[in-house]
Amino acid sequence: MKILDTERLTLRTISADDAAFYYELVNDPTWLEHIGDKGIRSIEGARTAILEGPCAMQQKLGHSLYVMERKSDGAPLGLCGLIKRDTLPAVDIGYAIRPAYFGQGYTYEAAAAVVAYARDTLGLPRLMGITNPANLNSINLLAKLGLRFVEHKIMPPDGRPTNIYSMELLQR
């Protein structure tokens, strides 16, 4: 299901049919370094992770991670969307893109649209972001989106050091 359109991208819900793309993305060395190993070792495992993760979250909460597709050719470039984690007090923005598409502005384009969607369509009052402290691209993206550093924390489930960011979306 289509969620958003930007100038160059369509953001749509992820489905079990995206398992091969998801498997490749979550096992990319950049994902493993900055996000962590999700333990997905097969396309069938990716299909299960999609159904139990983003698909279940979309059904329960009305938002999740979305596939970023390039309008010009339908290529799946990465993921961008909204995640509710038990470890954070508010929804956070998540994103990942295949290395072949780094530096082309796609992640910012998708993330800016997701921030507006969270504020204007979903009416979320606050948005958080998390990143590996060594991931300067992600740190810079969160700042460009308007999120501000809150704290550095060790986050479950894997005990990775994490920078936490936040922004108010609605005036109180």
N, C-alpha and C. Protein backbone atom coordinates (compact mmCIF):
# COMPACT_ATOMS: atom_id res chain seq x y z
N MET A 1 0.84 -1.18 0.00
CA MET A 1 0.00 0.00 0.00
C MET A 1 0.89 1.25 0.00
N LYS A 2 0.60 2.16 -0.90
CA LYS A 2 1.37 3.40 -0.97
C LYS A 2 1.03 4.27 0.24
N ILE A 3 2.08 4.82 0.86
CA ILE A 3 1.93 5.71 2.02
C ILE A 3 2.23 7.15 1.62
N LEU A 4 3.33 7.36 0.92
CA LEU A 4 3.79 8.71 0.58
C LEU A 4 4.44 8.74 -0.80
N ASP A 5 4.38 9.90 -1.41
CA ASP A 5 5.15 10.18 -2.62
C ASP A 5 6.01 11.40 -2.35
N THR A 6 7.24 11.36 -2.85
CA THR A 6 8.11 12.53 -2.86
C THR A 6 8.45 12.80 -4.32
N GLU A 7 9.32 13.72 -4.55
CA GLU A 7 9.68 14.04 -5.93
C GLU A 7 10.20 12.81 -6.68
N ARG A 8 11.08 12.05 -6.03
CA ARG A 8 11.73 10.93 -6.71
C ARG A 8 11.33 9.55 -6.19
N LEU A 9 10.60 9.52 -5.07
CA LEU A 9 10.35 8.25 -4.38
C LEU A 9 8.88 8.00 -4.10
N THR A 10 8.56 6.73 -3.99
CA THR A 10 7.30 6.29 -3.40
C THR A 10 7.67 5.48 -2.17
N LEU A 11 7.00 5.77 -1.06
CA LEU A 11 7.17 4.98 0.15
C LEU A 11 5.92 4.14 0.31
N ARG A 12 6.11 2.84 0.44
CA ARG A 12 4.98 1.91 0.54
C ARG A 12 5.24 0.90 1.65
N THR A 13 4.16 0.30 2.12
CA THR A 13 4.31 -0.72 3.15
C THR A 13 5.12 -1.89 2.59
N ILE A 14 5.87 -2.49 3.47
CA ILE A 14 6.66 -3.66 3.11
C ILE A 14 5.75 -4.89 3.19
N SER A 15 6.04 -5.89 2.37
CA SER A 15 5.25 -7.12 2.38
C SER A 15 6.18 -8.32 2.32
N ALA A 16 5.61 -9.49 2.51
CA ALA A 16 6.39 -10.72 2.43
C ALA A 16 7.08 -10.87 1.07
N ASP A 17 6.52 -10.26 0.04
CA ASP A 17 7.12 -10.31 -1.30
C ASP A 17 8.45 -9.56 -1.37
N ASP A 18 8.74 -8.75 -0.36
CA ASP A 18 10.00 -7.99 -0.31
C ASP A 18 11.11 -8.75 0.41
N ALA A 19 10.91 -10.03 0.68
CA ALA A 19 11.86 -10.80 1.50
C ALA A 19 13.28 -10.81 0.94
N ALA A 20 13.46 -10.98 -0.35
CA ALA A 20 14.81 -11.03 -0.93
C ALA A 20 15.51 -9.68 -0.75
N PHE A 21 14.79 -8.60 -1.04
CA PHE A 21 15.35 -7.25 -0.84
C PHE A 21 15.71 -7.04 0.64
N TYR A 22 14.81 -7.38 1.55
CA TYR A 22 15.03 -7.19 2.99
C TYR A 22 16.22 -8.03 3.46
N TYR A 23 16.30 -9.27 3.02
CA TYR A 23 17.41 -10.16 3.38
C TYR A 23 18.74 -9.53 2.98
N GLU A 24 18.81 -9.02 1.76
CA GLU A 24 20.04 -8.39 1.28
C GLU A 24 20.38 -7.14 2.11
N LEU A 25 19.38 -6.32 2.40
CA LEU A 25 19.60 -5.07 3.13
C LEU A 25 20.10 -5.33 4.55
N VAL A 26 19.43 -6.24 5.29
CA VAL A 26 19.80 -6.44 6.71
C VAL A 26 21.09 -7.22 6.88
N ASN A 27 21.60 -7.79 5.80
CA ASN A 27 22.89 -8.49 5.87
C ASN A 27 24.02 -7.72 5.19
N ASP A 28 23.74 -6.50 4.75
CA ASP A 28 24.77 -5.65 4.18
C ASP A 28 25.75 -5.25 5.28
N PRO A 29 27.04 -5.20 5.01
CA PRO A 29 28.01 -4.83 6.04
C PRO A 29 27.73 -3.49 6.72
N THR A 30 27.19 -2.52 5.99
CA THR A 30 26.87 -1.22 6.59
C THR A 30 25.75 -1.36 7.61
N TRP A 31 24.71 -2.13 7.28
CA TRP A 31 23.62 -2.38 8.24
C TRP A 31 24.20 -3.07 9.48
N LEU A 32 24.98 -4.11 9.26
CA LEU A 32 25.53 -4.88 10.38
C LEU A 32 26.38 -3.99 11.29
N GLU A 33 27.16 -3.10 10.70
CA GLU A 33 28.02 -2.21 11.48
C GLU A 33 27.21 -1.20 12.28
N HIS A 34 26.25 -0.56 11.67
CA HIS A 34 25.57 0.57 12.31
C HIS A 34 24.24 0.22 12.99
N ILE A 35 23.58 -0.82 12.54
CA ILE A 35 22.27 -1.17 13.10
C ILE A 35 22.37 -2.45 13.93
N GLY A 36 23.10 -3.42 13.42
CA GLY A 36 23.29 -4.67 14.16
C GLY A 36 22.77 -5.87 13.40
N ASP A 37 23.20 -7.02 13.85
CA ASP A 37 22.84 -8.29 13.23
C ASP A 37 21.46 -8.71 13.71
N LYS A 38 20.52 -8.82 12.80
CA LYS A 38 19.15 -9.23 13.14
C LYS A 38 19.00 -10.75 13.13
N GLY A 39 20.08 -11.46 12.79
CA GLY A 39 20.04 -12.92 12.80
C GLY A 39 19.20 -13.51 11.68
N ILE A 40 19.02 -12.78 10.61
CA ILE A 40 18.22 -13.25 9.48
C ILE A 40 19.19 -13.94 8.50
N ARG A 41 19.04 -15.26 8.37
CA ARG A 41 20.01 -16.04 7.61
C ARG A 41 19.45 -16.66 6.32
N SER A 42 18.19 -16.35 6.03
CA SER A 42 17.59 -16.91 4.81
C SER A 42 16.47 -15.98 4.35
N ILE A 43 16.05 -16.18 3.11
CA ILE A 43 14.94 -15.40 2.59
C ILE A 43 13.66 -15.75 3.36
N GLU A 44 13.50 -17.00 3.72
CA GLU A 44 12.34 -17.38 4.52
C GLU A 44 12.39 -16.69 5.90
N GLY A 45 13.57 -16.58 6.48
CA GLY A 45 13.72 -15.85 7.74
C GLY A 45 13.39 -14.38 7.57
N ALA A 46 13.76 -13.82 6.43
CA ALA A 46 13.42 -12.42 6.14
C ALA A 46 11.92 -12.26 6.01
N ARG A 47 11.27 -13.20 5.36
CA ARG A 47 9.81 -13.16 5.20
C ARG A 47 9.14 -13.18 6.58
N THR A 48 9.58 -14.04 7.44
CA THR A 48 9.03 -14.13 8.80
C THR A 48 9.27 -12.83 9.56
N ALA A 49 10.49 -12.28 9.46
CA ALA A 49 10.82 -11.03 10.16
C ALA A 49 9.95 -9.88 9.67
N ILE A 50 9.68 -9.83 8.38
CA ILE A 50 8.81 -8.78 7.83
C ILE A 50 7.40 -8.91 8.39
N LEU A 51 6.87 -10.13 8.38
CA LEU A 51 5.49 -10.34 8.84
C LEU A 51 5.35 -10.06 10.33
N GLU A 52 6.33 -10.49 11.12
CA GLU A 52 6.26 -10.32 12.58
C GLU A 52 6.69 -8.93 13.03
N GLY A 53 7.43 -8.21 12.18
CA GLY A 53 7.92 -6.89 12.53
C GLY A 53 7.09 -5.79 11.88
N PRO A 54 7.55 -5.25 10.75
CA PRO A 54 6.86 -4.11 10.14
C PRO A 54 5.39 -4.36 9.79
N CYS A 55 5.05 -5.56 9.28
CA CYS A 55 3.64 -5.81 8.92
C CYS A 55 2.76 -5.81 10.16
N ALA A 56 3.21 -6.45 11.22
CA ALA A 56 2.43 -6.48 12.46
C ALA A 56 2.32 -5.08 13.06
N MET A 57 3.41 -4.30 13.02
CA MET A 57 3.38 -2.94 13.55
C MET A 57 2.43 -2.06 12.74
N GLN A 58 2.45 -2.19 11.42
CA GLN A 58 1.55 -1.41 10.57
C GLN A 58 0.09 -1.72 10.92
N GLN A 59 -0.20 -2.99 11.09
CA GLN A 59 -1.57 -3.39 11.40
C GLN A 59 -1.99 -2.90 12.79
N LYS A 60 -1.09 -2.97 13.76
CA LYS A 60 -1.42 -2.60 15.13
C LYS A 60 -1.44 -1.09 15.35
N LEU A 61 -0.44 -0.38 14.80
CA LEU A 61 -0.25 1.04 15.11
C LEU A 61 -0.57 1.99 13.95
N GLY A 62 -0.65 1.47 12.74
CA GLY A 62 -0.92 2.33 11.59
C GLY A 62 0.32 2.97 11.01
N HIS A 63 1.49 2.52 11.44
CA HIS A 63 2.75 2.98 10.86
C HIS A 63 3.81 1.91 11.06
N SER A 64 4.86 1.99 10.25
CA SER A 64 5.96 1.03 10.33
C SER A 64 7.10 1.52 9.43
N LEU A 65 8.02 0.63 9.14
CA LEU A 65 9.05 0.92 8.14
C LEU A 65 8.45 0.73 6.75
N TYR A 66 8.81 1.62 5.84
CA TYR A 66 8.31 1.58 4.47
C TYR A 66 9.45 1.36 3.49
N VAL A 67 9.15 0.70 2.40
CA VAL A 67 10.13 0.52 1.33
C VAL A 67 10.21 1.82 0.54
N MET A 68 11.44 2.30 0.34
CA MET A 68 11.68 3.47 -0.51
C MET A 68 11.90 2.95 -1.94
N GLU A 69 10.97 3.24 -2.83
CA GLU A 69 11.12 2.84 -4.22
C GLU A 69 11.37 4.07 -5.08
N ARG A 70 12.34 3.94 -5.97
CA ARG A 70 12.61 5.02 -6.91
C ARG A 70 11.50 5.04 -7.97
N LYS A 71 10.89 6.20 -8.17
CA LYS A 71 9.79 6.31 -9.13
C LYS A 71 10.22 5.99 -10.56
N SER A 72 11.43 6.36 -10.91
CA SER A 72 11.86 6.21 -12.31
C SER A 72 11.91 4.76 -12.76
N ASP A 73 12.21 3.83 -11.86
CA ASP A 73 12.33 2.43 -12.28
C ASP A 73 11.77 1.42 -11.27
N GLY A 74 11.21 1.89 -10.15
CA GLY A 74 10.63 0.99 -9.16
C GLY A 74 11.65 0.26 -8.31
N ALA A 75 12.93 0.63 -8.42
CA ALA A 75 13.97 -0.05 -7.65
C ALA A 75 13.78 0.21 -6.15
N PRO A 76 13.83 -0.86 -5.33
CA PRO A 76 13.79 -0.67 -3.88
C PRO A 76 15.17 -0.22 -3.39
N LEU A 77 15.24 0.99 -2.85
CA LEU A 77 16.52 1.57 -2.45
C LEU A 77 16.86 1.30 -0.99
N GLY A 78 15.84 1.24 -0.15
CA GLY A 78 16.06 1.07 1.28
C GLY A 78 14.74 1.11 2.01
N LEU A 79 14.84 1.41 3.31
CA LEU A 79 13.67 1.50 4.18
C LEU A 79 13.67 2.84 4.88
N CYS A 80 12.50 3.36 5.17
CA CYS A 80 12.36 4.57 5.96
C CYS A 80 10.95 4.57 6.54
N GLY A 81 10.85 4.87 7.82
CA GLY A 81 9.52 4.90 8.41
C GLY A 81 9.56 5.15 9.90
N LEU A 82 8.49 4.73 10.55
CA LEU A 82 8.27 5.02 11.96
C LEU A 82 8.16 3.72 12.74
N ILE A 83 8.89 3.66 13.85
CA ILE A 83 8.98 2.45 14.66
C ILE A 83 8.63 2.80 16.10
N LYS A 84 7.83 1.97 16.73
CA LYS A 84 7.60 2.13 18.17
C LYS A 84 8.35 1.01 18.87
N ARG A 85 9.39 1.39 19.59
CA ARG A 85 10.21 0.43 20.33
C ARG A 85 9.82 0.47 21.80
N ASP A 86 9.85 -0.67 22.44
CA ASP A 86 9.57 -0.73 23.88
C ASP A 86 10.60 0.04 24.70
N THR A 87 11.77 0.24 24.12
CA THR A 87 12.87 0.88 24.85
C THR A 87 12.86 2.41 24.77
N LEU A 88 11.92 2.98 24.00
CA LEU A 88 11.85 4.43 23.86
C LEU A 88 10.45 4.92 24.23
N PRO A 89 10.36 6.14 24.78
CA PRO A 89 9.04 6.66 25.20
C PRO A 89 8.17 7.18 24.05
N ALA A 90 8.72 7.32 22.86
CA ALA A 90 7.95 7.82 21.73
C ALA A 90 8.39 7.08 20.46
N VAL A 91 7.64 7.26 19.41
CA VAL A 91 7.95 6.67 18.10
C VAL A 91 9.26 7.25 17.59
N ASP A 92 10.06 6.41 16.92
CA ASP A 92 11.29 6.95 16.33
C ASP A 92 11.30 6.72 14.83
N ILE A 93 12.08 7.56 14.17
CA ILE A 93 12.25 7.44 12.73
C ILE A 93 13.42 6.50 12.47
N GLY A 94 13.19 5.58 11.56
CA GLY A 94 14.23 4.63 11.18
C GLY A 94 14.46 4.67 9.70
N TYR A 95 15.67 4.38 9.28
CA TYR A 95 16.00 4.40 7.86
C TYR A 95 17.26 3.60 7.60
N ALA A 96 17.35 3.07 6.42
CA ALA A 96 18.54 2.37 5.95
C ALA A 96 18.45 2.35 4.43
N ILE A 97 19.59 2.50 3.79
CA ILE A 97 19.60 2.52 2.33
C ILE A 97 20.77 1.68 1.84
N ARG A 98 20.58 1.05 0.71
CA ARG A 98 21.65 0.25 0.11
C ARG A 98 22.84 1.17 -0.21
N PRO A 99 24.05 0.69 0.02
CA PRO A 99 25.24 1.53 -0.22
C PRO A 99 25.34 2.08 -1.64
N ALA A 100 24.80 1.39 -2.62
CA ALA A 100 24.85 1.88 -4.01
C ALA A 100 24.15 3.23 -4.16
N TYR A 101 23.28 3.58 -3.20
CA TYR A 101 22.50 4.81 -3.30
C TYR A 101 22.91 5.87 -2.28
N PHE A 102 24.02 5.62 -1.57
CA PHE A 102 24.54 6.61 -0.62
C PHE A 102 24.84 7.92 -1.35
N GLY A 103 24.68 9.03 -0.64
CA GLY A 103 25.11 10.32 -1.13
C GLY A 103 24.26 10.93 -2.23
N GLN A 104 23.07 10.40 -2.49
CA GLN A 104 22.23 10.92 -3.56
C GLN A 104 20.99 11.64 -3.03
N GLY A 105 20.90 11.79 -1.71
CA GLY A 105 19.81 12.54 -1.11
C GLY A 105 18.51 11.78 -0.93
N TYR A 106 18.50 10.50 -1.26
CA TYR A 106 17.27 9.73 -1.15
C TYR A 106 16.81 9.57 0.30
N THR A 107 17.74 9.28 1.19
CA THR A 107 17.34 9.05 2.58
C THR A 107 16.78 10.32 3.19
N TYR A 108 17.40 11.47 2.94
CA TYR A 108 16.86 12.71 3.47
C TYR A 108 15.48 12.99 2.87
N GLU A 109 15.34 12.79 1.58
CA GLU A 109 14.05 13.04 0.92
C GLU A 109 12.95 12.19 1.56
N ALA A 110 13.24 10.91 1.77
CA ALA A 110 12.25 10.02 2.39
C ALA A 110 12.01 10.40 3.85
N ALA A 111 13.08 10.65 4.58
CA ALA A 111 12.95 10.95 6.01
C ALA A 111 12.20 12.26 6.25
N ALA A 112 12.45 13.28 5.45
CA ALA A 112 11.73 14.55 5.61
C ALA A 112 10.24 14.34 5.37
N ALA A 113 9.90 13.51 4.39
CA ALA A 113 8.48 13.21 4.12
C ALA A 113 7.87 12.42 5.27
N VAL A 114 8.63 11.52 5.87
CA VAL A 114 8.13 10.74 7.01
C VAL A 114 7.92 11.63 8.23
N VAL A 115 8.81 12.59 8.47
CA VAL A 115 8.62 13.54 9.58
C VAL A 115 7.32 14.32 9.38
N ALA A 116 7.10 14.82 8.18
CA ALA A 116 5.87 15.57 7.89
C ALA A 116 4.64 14.67 8.05
N TYR A 117 4.73 13.44 7.61
CA TYR A 117 3.64 12.47 7.75
C TYR A 117 3.33 12.20 9.22
N ALA A 118 4.38 12.04 10.03
CA ALA A 118 4.19 11.80 11.46
C ALA A 118 3.47 12.97 12.12
N ARG A 119 3.84 14.17 11.72
CA ARG A 119 3.25 15.38 12.30
C ARG A 119 1.85 15.66 11.74
N ASP A 120 1.74 15.72 10.43
CA ASP A 120 0.53 16.23 9.78
C ASP A 120 -0.57 15.19 9.60
N THR A 121 -0.20 13.95 9.36
CA THR A 121 -1.20 12.91 9.13
C THR A 121 -1.48 12.09 10.39
N LEU A 122 -0.42 11.66 11.06
CA LEU A 122 -0.60 10.83 12.26
C LEU A 122 -0.80 11.65 13.52
N GLY A 123 -0.40 12.92 13.50
CA GLY A 123 -0.56 13.78 14.68
C GLY A 123 0.31 13.39 15.85
N LEU A 124 1.47 12.80 15.58
CA LEU A 124 2.37 12.44 16.67
C LEU A 124 2.93 13.70 17.31
N PRO A 125 2.95 13.78 18.62
CA PRO A 125 3.45 14.98 19.29
C PRO A 125 4.97 15.07 19.34
N ARG A 126 5.63 13.92 19.27
CA ARG A 126 7.08 13.87 19.45
C ARG A 126 7.64 12.78 18.55
N LEU A 127 8.87 12.98 18.09
CA LEU A 127 9.55 12.00 17.27
C LEU A 127 10.96 11.83 17.81
N MET A 128 11.39 10.60 17.90
CA MET A 128 12.74 10.31 18.37
C MET A 128 13.56 9.73 17.23
N GLY A 129 14.84 9.65 17.45
CA GLY A 129 15.75 9.02 16.51
C GLY A 129 16.88 8.40 17.29
N ILE A 130 17.40 7.29 16.81
CA ILE A 130 18.55 6.66 17.45
C ILE A 130 19.59 6.35 16.39
N THR A 131 20.85 6.37 16.81
CA THR A 131 21.91 6.02 15.88
C THR A 131 23.15 5.56 16.63
N ASN A 132 23.94 4.79 15.95
CA ASN A 132 25.25 4.39 16.42
C ASN A 132 26.10 5.67 16.51
N PRO A 133 26.79 5.90 17.64
CA PRO A 133 27.59 7.11 17.78
C PRO A 133 28.69 7.28 16.72
N ALA A 134 29.05 6.20 16.04
CA ALA A 134 30.07 6.27 14.99
C ALA A 134 29.50 6.56 13.61
N ASN A 135 28.18 6.60 13.50
CA ASN A 135 27.54 6.78 12.20
C ASN A 135 27.30 8.27 11.93
N LEU A 136 28.32 8.93 11.44
CA LEU A 136 28.25 10.38 11.22
C LEU A 136 27.19 10.77 10.19
N ASN A 137 26.98 9.94 9.17
CA ASN A 137 25.95 10.25 8.18
C ASN A 137 24.57 10.29 8.84
N SER A 138 24.30 9.34 9.70
CA SER A 138 23.01 9.30 10.38
C SER A 138 22.87 10.46 11.38
N ILE A 139 23.93 10.76 12.10
CA ILE A 139 23.92 11.89 13.03
C ILE A 139 23.61 13.19 12.29
N ASN A 140 24.27 13.38 11.15
CA ASN A 140 24.03 14.59 10.35
C ASN A 140 22.62 14.63 9.78
N LEU A 141 22.10 13.47 9.38
CA LEU A 141 20.74 13.42 8.85
C LEU A 141 19.72 13.79 9.94
N LEU A 142 19.87 13.23 11.12
CA LEU A 142 18.94 13.56 12.21
C LEU A 142 18.97 15.06 12.53
N ALA A 143 20.16 15.64 12.53
CA ALA A 143 20.27 17.09 12.78
C ALA A 143 19.60 17.89 11.67
N LYS A 144 19.80 17.48 10.42
CA LYS A 144 19.19 18.17 9.28
C LYS A 144 17.67 18.09 9.34
N LEU A 145 17.15 17.00 9.89
CA LEU A 145 15.70 16.83 10.04
C LEU A 145 15.13 17.66 11.19
N GLY A 146 16.02 18.14 12.08
CA GLY A 146 15.57 18.95 13.21
C GLY A 146 15.57 18.23 14.54
N LEU A 147 16.05 17.00 14.59
CA LEU A 147 16.13 16.29 15.86
C LEU A 147 17.38 16.75 16.60
N ARG A 148 17.28 16.81 17.91
CA ARG A 148 18.37 17.28 18.76
C ARG A 148 18.84 16.15 19.68
N PHE A 149 20.13 16.11 19.92
CA PHE A 149 20.73 15.10 20.79
C PHE A 149 20.15 15.21 22.20
N VAL A 150 19.77 14.07 22.78
CA VAL A 150 19.24 14.02 24.14
C VAL A 150 20.23 13.35 25.08
N GLU A 151 20.70 12.14 24.71
CA GLU A 151 21.62 11.41 25.58
C GLU A 151 22.29 10.27 24.83
N HIS A 152 23.34 9.79 25.46
CA HIS A 152 24.07 8.61 24.99
C HIS A 152 23.73 7.50 25.98
N LYS A 153 23.31 6.33 25.45
CA LYS A 153 22.81 5.28 26.32
C LYS A 153 23.17 3.91 25.74
N ILE A 154 23.30 2.94 26.59
CA ILE A 154 23.43 1.55 26.15
C ILE A 154 22.01 1.01 26.00
N MET A 155 21.69 0.52 24.80
CA MET A 155 20.31 0.11 24.50
C MET A 155 20.19 -1.41 24.37
N PRO A 156 19.11 -1.95 24.96
CA PRO A 156 18.80 -3.36 24.72
C PRO A 156 18.28 -3.53 23.29
N PRO A 157 18.22 -4.66 22.70
CA PRO A 157 18.49 -5.94 23.34
C PRO A 157 19.95 -6.35 23.30
N ASP A 158 20.77 -5.70 22.47
CA ASP A 158 22.15 -6.16 22.30
C ASP A 158 23.19 -5.33 23.03
N GLY A 159 22.78 -4.35 23.82
CA GLY A 159 23.72 -3.56 24.61
C GLY A 159 24.63 -2.67 23.80
N ARG A 160 24.19 -2.22 22.65
CA ARG A 160 25.00 -1.35 21.79
C ARG A 160 24.94 0.08 22.29
N PRO A 161 26.07 0.79 22.26
CA PRO A 161 26.04 2.23 22.57
C PRO A 161 25.17 2.94 21.52
N THR A 162 24.33 3.85 21.97
CA THR A 162 23.37 4.50 21.09
C THR A 162 23.22 5.97 21.45
N ASN A 163 23.19 6.83 20.44
CA ASN A 163 22.82 8.23 20.64
C ASN A 163 21.32 8.34 20.45
N ILE A 164 20.67 9.07 21.35
CA ILE A 164 19.23 9.26 21.29
C ILE A 164 18.93 10.72 20.99
N TYR A 165 18.01 10.94 20.06
CA TYR A 165 17.63 12.28 19.60
C TYR A 165 16.12 12.43 19.74
N SER A 166 15.64 13.68 19.76
CA SER A 166 14.22 13.92 19.89
C SER A 166 13.85 15.26 19.26
N MET A 167 12.58 15.37 18.87
CA MET A 167 12.04 16.66 18.42
C MET A 167 10.54 16.68 18.73
N GLU A 168 10.07 17.86 19.08
CA GLU A 168 8.64 18.06 19.28
C GLU A 168 8.02 18.34 17.91
N LEU A 169 6.94 17.65 17.60
CA LEU A 169 6.28 17.84 16.31
C LEU A 169 5.10 18.77 16.41
N LEU A 170 4.41 18.76 17.54
CA LEU A 170 3.23 19.58 17.73
C LEU A 170 3.48 20.58 18.85
N GLN A 171 2.96 21.78 18.68
CA GLN A 171 3.09 22.79 19.73
C GLN A 171 2.19 22.38 20.90
N ARG A 172 2.71 22.53 22.09
CA ARG A 172 1.93 22.16 23.28
C ARG A 172 1.24 23.36 23.84
